[in-house]
C-alpha cells in the first residue's frame, strides 16, 4: 500500500511520516520510505547522518531498467517521468524497490530512498520536479500489495500538484496545524484532489487542547481523521535526541494506529491508477514532452496493458 504525507511547510509532515513508518515497521511489516520533498530532512529525522544516493543521479539507469524490452519505448532518452509501463516493461515488486542499490537501511529497519537536493548545477536552471520524476517512474512501475508499505514525504503545499505524482497513492494524509494557514493548504489540496478521486484524510498536528481540535473540525469537517498532540518526545527527536516509540504519549501512539488502520482498510484501485497514468502522460506529452524528446509520446501507451498483479 502506498501513502503520501503532504501539508504546509513546517506542518510536521516529515516528522509524522517518519513516525508512521517506524510504527508500521515496529509491527514487523516491511516499509520503504521515499523522501520526495525539496527539503531533504527525512534521513535526519530517521537518525541517519548522511543522505542516501540521490535517485536523480541514477535517472538514466532507472529508465533503462524499467523500459526492459517494451517495443513502444525506443530508448531511455525518450522516457519521461510519466512514461507508463506496457508489455515488455520491467515491473518492480515491493522487494525489488526495497533492494535498489541506492536505498539505505535505517536503525529501525526501514529502507530509505531520496530524490536528492538541488546541487550547484541546478541553481537557477532546473525545476525540482525533474528530481521527483524518478519517484514517479518507480511508482508507475511498482506492483505492490497488502502488507507492503511505501511511505512518501511529498513537497510542501500545493506544489505537489505540479506533476501526476499526487495520484500514485492509495491514500494521502494531509498534515494540518490548527491555524488559518494550515487549513488553507487543506482547502487547496482538497479542491485539486477531488477532481481525480484522490482519497484524502486530515491529520491534525501540534494540537494543544480541545479548542485546537474544534478549530480543525470547524474548518475541515469529516476529513479530520485524527490528530497528534503537542509532544515533548517529538520535540526532543527533532532536536536530535533519541526517541523510541514507547516514549510517545499514549494519545499520539493511538493516532499512529488510526493512520495504519485507515490505510489498511483502503481499497486498491488498479483501474483508476492505469487511467490516470495514461491521462497525465498525455497531458505532459502535449505540454512539453513531445517537443523535448522529438517524438509523439502518446505512442508509448499500451492500450492492452493491464495494471496490477
Protein backbone atom coordinates (compact mmCIF):
# COMPACT_ATOMS: atom_id res chain seq x y z
CA UNK A 1 0.00 0.00 0.00
CA UNK A 2 1.23 3.48 -0.86
CA UNK A 3 0.65 6.53 1.29
CA UNK A 4 1.70 10.15 0.82
CA UNK A 5 2.15 12.75 3.55
CA UNK A 6 1.52 16.32 2.41
CA UNK A 7 0.93 19.68 4.08
CA UNK A 8 2.15 23.21 4.54
CA UNK A 9 5.86 23.70 5.01
CA UNK A 10 6.61 23.37 8.73
CA UNK A 11 3.38 21.48 9.46
CA UNK A 12 5.29 18.43 10.65
CA UNK A 13 4.57 16.13 7.72
CA UNK A 14 8.16 14.85 7.60
CA UNK A 15 8.13 14.05 11.30
CA UNK A 16 4.76 12.30 11.14
CA UNK A 17 5.66 10.34 8.02
CA UNK A 18 8.81 9.13 9.81
CA UNK A 19 6.88 8.20 12.95
CA UNK A 20 4.24 6.40 10.91
CA UNK A 21 6.87 4.41 9.02
CA UNK A 22 8.55 3.45 12.29
CA UNK A 23 5.19 2.49 13.79
CA UNK A 24 4.42 0.13 10.89
CA UNK A 25 7.92 -1.38 10.90
CA UNK A 26 7.72 -1.95 14.66
CA UNK A 27 4.85 -4.36 13.99
CA UNK A 28 7.02 -6.47 11.72
CA UNK A 29 5.85 -5.19 8.33
CA UNK A 30 8.23 -4.15 5.52
CA UNK A 31 8.44 -0.42 4.79
CA UNK A 32 10.12 1.62 2.07
CA UNK A 33 10.27 5.36 2.80
CA UNK A 34 10.82 7.86 -0.02
CA UNK A 35 11.86 11.47 0.53
CA UNK A 36 10.32 13.46 -2.33
CA UNK A 37 10.49 16.84 -0.60
CA UNK A 38 12.73 19.62 -1.88
CA UNK A 39 13.93 20.00 1.73
CA UNK A 40 15.66 16.66 2.33
CA UNK A 41 15.13 16.19 6.07
CA UNK A 42 13.69 12.69 6.28
CA UNK A 43 17.05 10.94 6.64
CA UNK A 44 17.94 13.26 9.52
CA UNK A 45 14.61 12.62 11.28
CA UNK A 46 15.17 8.88 10.86
CA UNK A 47 18.54 9.16 12.59
CA UNK A 48 20.89 8.94 9.61
CA UNK A 49 23.99 11.10 9.42
CA UNK A 50 24.12 11.10 5.61
CA UNK A 51 21.64 11.17 2.74
CA UNK A 52 21.10 8.12 0.51
CA UNK A 53 22.42 8.22 -3.03
CA UNK A 54 20.07 10.64 -4.84
CA UNK A 55 17.64 8.97 -7.22
CA UNK A 56 18.05 11.87 -9.62
CA UNK A 57 21.69 10.92 -10.14
CA UNK A 58 20.60 7.46 -11.33
CA UNK A 59 17.72 8.50 -13.55
CA UNK A 60 19.20 7.10 -16.78
CA UNK A 61 19.93 3.80 -15.06
CA UNK A 62 16.39 3.67 -13.65
CA UNK A 63 14.88 4.33 -17.07
CA UNK A 64 16.99 1.63 -18.72
CA UNK A 65 15.89 -0.89 -16.12
CA UNK A 66 12.20 -0.05 -16.25
CA UNK A 67 11.77 0.06 -20.02
CA UNK A 68 13.04 -3.52 -20.35
CA UNK A 69 12.22 -4.66 -23.88
CA UNK A 70 8.98 -2.70 -24.23
CA UNK A 71 8.80 -2.16 -28.02
CA UNK A 72 6.88 1.11 -27.59
CA UNK A 73 9.83 2.81 -25.87
CA UNK A 74 12.67 3.29 -28.34
CA UNK A 75 15.29 4.33 -25.78
CA UNK A 76 15.79 5.58 -22.24
CA UNK A 77 16.19 9.07 -23.72
CA UNK A 78 12.54 9.03 -24.86
CA UNK A 79 11.28 8.08 -21.39
CA UNK A 80 9.88 10.92 -19.32
CA UNK A 81 8.68 10.98 -15.73
CA UNK A 82 5.14 9.97 -16.75
CA UNK A 83 6.05 7.17 -19.19
CA UNK A 84 3.70 4.29 -18.37
CA UNK A 85 4.59 0.61 -18.25
CA UNK A 86 3.49 -1.72 -21.02
CA UNK A 87 4.06 -5.26 -22.20
CA UNK A 88 7.80 -5.84 -22.07
CA UNK A 89 8.42 -3.25 -19.35
CA UNK A 90 10.30 -4.44 -16.30
CA UNK A 91 7.89 -4.07 -13.39
CA UNK A 92 9.02 -3.77 -9.80
CA UNK A 93 7.82 -5.84 -6.89
CA UNK A 94 7.96 -4.30 -3.44
CA UNK A 95 11.08 -6.37 -2.74
CA UNK A 96 12.68 -5.02 -5.94
CA UNK A 97 12.03 -1.46 -4.77
CA UNK A 98 13.48 -2.17 -1.32
CA UNK A 99 16.55 -3.80 -2.86
CA UNK A 100 17.57 -0.88 -5.09
CA UNK A 101 21.27 -0.19 -4.64
CA UNK A 102 20.68 3.46 -3.73
CA UNK A 103 18.41 2.62 -0.78
CA UNK A 104 19.84 2.65 2.74
CA UNK A 105 18.63 0.86 5.84
CA UNK A 106 17.82 2.87 8.96
CA UNK A 107 18.27 1.72 12.54
CA UNK A 108 14.54 0.98 12.63
CA UNK A 109 14.69 -1.49 9.72
CA UNK A 110 13.26 0.88 7.11
CA UNK A 111 14.61 1.17 3.57
CA UNK A 112 15.01 4.83 2.60
CA UNK A 113 15.20 6.31 -0.90
CA UNK A 114 15.61 10.03 -1.59
CA UNK A 115 15.25 12.20 -4.66
CA UNK A 116 18.24 14.27 -3.63
CA UNK A 117 18.59 18.01 -3.06
CA UNK A 118 19.42 20.76 -5.50
CA UNK A 119 23.10 20.96 -6.33
CA UNK A 120 25.15 23.83 -7.71
CA UNK A 121 24.46 22.84 -11.32
CA UNK A 122 20.68 23.04 -10.73
CA UNK A 123 20.54 26.52 -9.23
CA UNK A 124 18.74 28.96 -11.48
CA UNK A 125 18.26 26.47 -14.33
CA UNK A 126 16.35 23.42 -13.08
CA UNK A 127 12.91 22.69 -11.66
CA UNK A 128 12.69 20.46 -8.60
CA UNK A 129 10.10 18.29 -10.33
CA UNK A 130 12.87 16.96 -12.55
CA UNK A 131 14.17 15.36 -9.35
CA UNK A 132 10.91 13.74 -8.26
CA UNK A 133 10.44 12.30 -11.74
CA UNK A 134 12.43 9.25 -10.59
CA UNK A 135 9.89 8.64 -7.81
CA UNK A 136 7.00 8.92 -10.26
CA UNK A 137 8.60 6.43 -12.66
CA UNK A 138 9.28 3.94 -9.87
CA UNK A 139 5.71 4.15 -8.58
CA UNK A 140 4.30 3.86 -12.12
CA UNK A 141 6.10 0.52 -12.48
CA UNK A 142 5.54 -0.79 -8.95
CA UNK A 143 3.21 -3.72 -8.26
CA UNK A 144 2.73 -3.65 -4.51
CA UNK A 145 0.19 -5.37 -2.32
CA UNK A 146 -1.26 -5.81 1.15
CA UNK A 147 1.23 -5.90 3.97
CA UNK A 148 3.80 -3.91 1.95
CA UNK A 149 4.11 -0.21 2.75
CA UNK A 150 5.56 2.65 0.69
CA UNK A 151 5.57 5.93 2.63
CA UNK A 152 6.36 9.11 0.68
CA UNK A 153 7.14 12.51 2.18
CA UNK A 154 5.94 14.92 -0.53
CA UNK A 155 6.82 18.50 -1.40
CA UNK A 156 5.09 21.16 0.70
CA UNK A 157 1.73 22.73 -0.05
CA UNK A 158 0.01 22.62 -3.42
CA UNK A 159 3.38 22.25 -5.14
CA UNK A 160 2.65 18.50 -5.08
CA UNK A 161 0.23 19.07 -7.97
CA UNK A 162 2.97 20.11 -10.39
CA UNK A 163 3.09 16.51 -11.64
CA UNK A 164 0.86 13.45 -11.68
CA UNK A 165 2.71 12.05 -8.66
CA UNK A 166 -0.15 13.06 -6.37
CA UNK A 167 -2.37 10.35 -7.97
CA UNK A 168 0.09 7.49 -7.37
CA UNK A 169 -1.13 6.65 -3.86
CA UNK A 170 -3.82 4.57 -2.21
CA UNK A 171 -4.30 7.25 0.44
CA UNK A 172 -2.98 10.74 1.14
CA UNK A 173 -2.64 12.13 4.66
CA UNK A 174 -2.66 15.92 4.82
CA UNK A 175 -0.94 17.19 7.96
CA UNK A 176 -2.56 20.42 9.17
CA UNK A 177 -1.74 22.63 12.10
CA UNK A 178 -4.76 24.28 13.78
CA UNK A 179 -4.09 27.62 12.05
CA UNK A 180 -5.64 29.51 9.16
CA UNK A 181 -2.56 28.82 7.05
CA UNK A 182 -2.72 25.12 7.83
CA UNK A 183 -6.36 24.70 6.85
CA UNK A 184 -5.84 26.98 3.84
CA UNK A 185 -3.43 24.44 2.34
CA UNK A 186 -6.01 21.74 3.13
CA UNK A 187 -8.66 23.55 1.07
CA UNK A 188 -6.30 23.91 -1.89
CA UNK A 189 -5.33 20.26 -1.76
CA UNK A 190 -8.92 19.07 -1.27
CA UNK A 191 -10.20 21.03 -4.25
CA UNK A 192 -7.46 19.83 -6.59
CA UNK A 193 -7.54 16.23 -5.37
CA UNK A 194 -11.31 15.88 -5.61
CA UNK A 195 -11.14 16.17 -9.41
CA UNK A 196 -9.08 12.98 -9.56
CA UNK A 197 -10.69 10.79 -6.92
CA UNK A 198 -7.69 11.07 -4.60
CA UNK A 199 -8.50 9.61 -1.18
CA UNK A 200 -7.62 12.30 1.38
CA UNK A 201 -7.68 12.40 5.17
CA UNK A 202 -6.52 15.16 7.50
CA UNK A 203 -4.15 14.60 10.41
CA UNK A 204 -4.08 17.48 12.86
CA UNK A 205 -0.69 18.25 14.33
CA UNK A 206 0.74 20.29 17.22
CA UNK A 207 -2.65 20.22 18.93
CA UNK A 208 -2.59 21.81 22.39
CA UNK A 209 -6.13 21.15 23.55
CA UNK A 210 -9.85 20.86 22.78
CA UNK A 211 -10.05 24.34 21.23
CA UNK A 212 -7.49 23.32 18.59
CA UNK A 213 -9.50 20.21 17.80
CA UNK A 214 -12.67 22.25 17.47
CA UNK A 215 -10.90 24.68 15.14
CA UNK A 216 -9.85 21.82 12.89
CA UNK A 217 -13.33 20.25 12.96
CA UNK A 218 -14.86 23.60 12.04
CA UNK A 219 -12.60 24.05 9.02
CA UNK A 220 -12.03 20.52 7.67
CA UNK A 221 -15.17 18.73 8.86
CA UNK A 222 -15.36 14.98 8.41
CA UNK A 223 -11.98 14.91 6.68
CA UNK A 224 -10.36 15.20 10.12
CA UNK A 225 -9.28 11.63 10.82
CA UNK A 226 -7.18 12.07 13.95
CA UNK A 227 -4.58 14.39 15.46
CA UNK A 228 -1.18 14.41 17.12
CA UNK A 229 -0.94 16.30 20.37
CA UNK A 230 1.93 18.65 21.11
CA UNK A 231 4.73 16.27 22.13
CA UNK A 232 7.87 16.85 24.17
CA UNK A 233 9.12 13.47 22.94
CA UNK A 234 8.76 14.52 19.31
CA UNK A 235 10.43 17.86 20.01
CA UNK A 236 13.36 16.00 21.56
CA UNK A 237 13.62 13.83 18.42
CA UNK A 238 13.57 16.92 16.20
CA UNK A 239 16.43 18.29 18.29
CA UNK A 240 18.48 15.19 17.56
CA UNK A 241 17.85 13.22 20.74
CA UNK A 242 16.99 9.53 20.68
CA UNK A 243 13.30 8.62 20.65
CA UNK A 244 11.71 5.20 20.92
CA UNK A 245 8.06 4.74 20.05
CA UNK A 246 7.46 3.90 23.71
CA UNK A 247 8.47 7.48 24.53
CA UNK A 248 5.45 8.83 22.64
CA UNK A 249 2.44 9.99 24.56
CA UNK A 250 -0.40 7.38 24.51
CA UNK A 251 -2.69 9.69 22.52
CA UNK A 252 -0.04 10.08 19.81
CA UNK A 253 0.60 6.34 19.69
CA UNK A 254 -3.14 5.85 19.26
CA UNK A 255 -3.17 8.39 16.41
CA UNK A 256 -0.49 6.44 14.53
CA UNK A 257 -2.56 3.28 14.96
CA UNK A 258 -5.56 5.09 13.44
CA UNK A 259 -3.49 6.06 10.41
CA UNK A 260 -2.36 2.45 9.95
CA UNK A 261 -5.88 1.06 10.30
CA UNK A 262 -7.28 3.59 7.82
CA UNK A 263 -4.61 2.79 5.24
CA UNK A 264 -5.13 -0.95 5.66
CA UNK A 265 -8.86 -0.52 5.02
CA UNK A 266 -8.30 1.40 1.79
CA UNK A 267 -9.22 -0.42 -1.41
CA UNK A 268 -6.54 -0.56 -4.10
CA UNK A 269 -7.95 0.68 -7.40
CA UNK A 270 -5.64 -0.51 -10.19
CA UNK A 271 -8.10 0.53 -12.90
CA UNK A 272 -8.09 4.17 -11.74
CA UNK A 273 -4.32 4.02 -11.40
CA UNK A 274 -3.99 2.91 -15.01
CA UNK A 275 -6.39 5.53 -16.36
CA UNK A 276 -4.61 8.35 -14.56
CA UNK A 277 -1.18 7.11 -15.61
CA UNK A 278 -2.25 7.43 -19.25
CA UNK A 279 -4.06 10.73 -18.67
CA UNK A 280 -1.09 12.51 -17.09
CA UNK A 281 1.30 11.04 -19.63
CA UNK A 282 -0.75 12.50 -22.47
CA UNK A 283 -1.01 15.87 -20.73
CA UNK A 284 2.75 16.05 -20.21
CA UNK A 285 3.41 14.85 -23.74
CA UNK A 286 1.36 17.68 -25.22
CA UNK A 287 2.68 20.31 -22.82
CA UNK A 288 6.43 19.66 -23.18
CA UNK A 289 7.37 16.00 -23.64
CA UNK A 290 6.86 15.68 -27.39
CA UNK A 291 8.91 18.80 -28.09
CA UNK A 292 11.70 17.78 -25.72
CA UNK A 293 12.08 14.21 -26.98
CA UNK A 294 11.24 14.84 -30.64
CA UNK A 295 8.72 12.01 -30.67
CA UNK A 296 4.99 11.51 -30.12
CA UNK A 297 4.93 10.13 -26.59
CA UNK A 298 1.28 9.09 -26.94
CA UNK A 299 2.66 6.07 -28.77
CA UNK A 300 4.20 4.82 -25.51
CA UNK A 301 0.76 3.94 -24.10
CA UNK A 302 -0.01 0.23 -24.47
CA UNK A 303 -3.84 0.02 -24.61
CA UNK A 304 -3.81 -3.71 -23.81
CA UNK A 305 -1.59 -3.50 -20.75
CA UNK A 306 -3.37 -4.46 -17.51
CA UNK A 307 -2.25 -2.80 -14.28
CA UNK A 308 -1.91 -4.72 -11.05
CA UNK A 309 -0.70 -8.19 -10.09
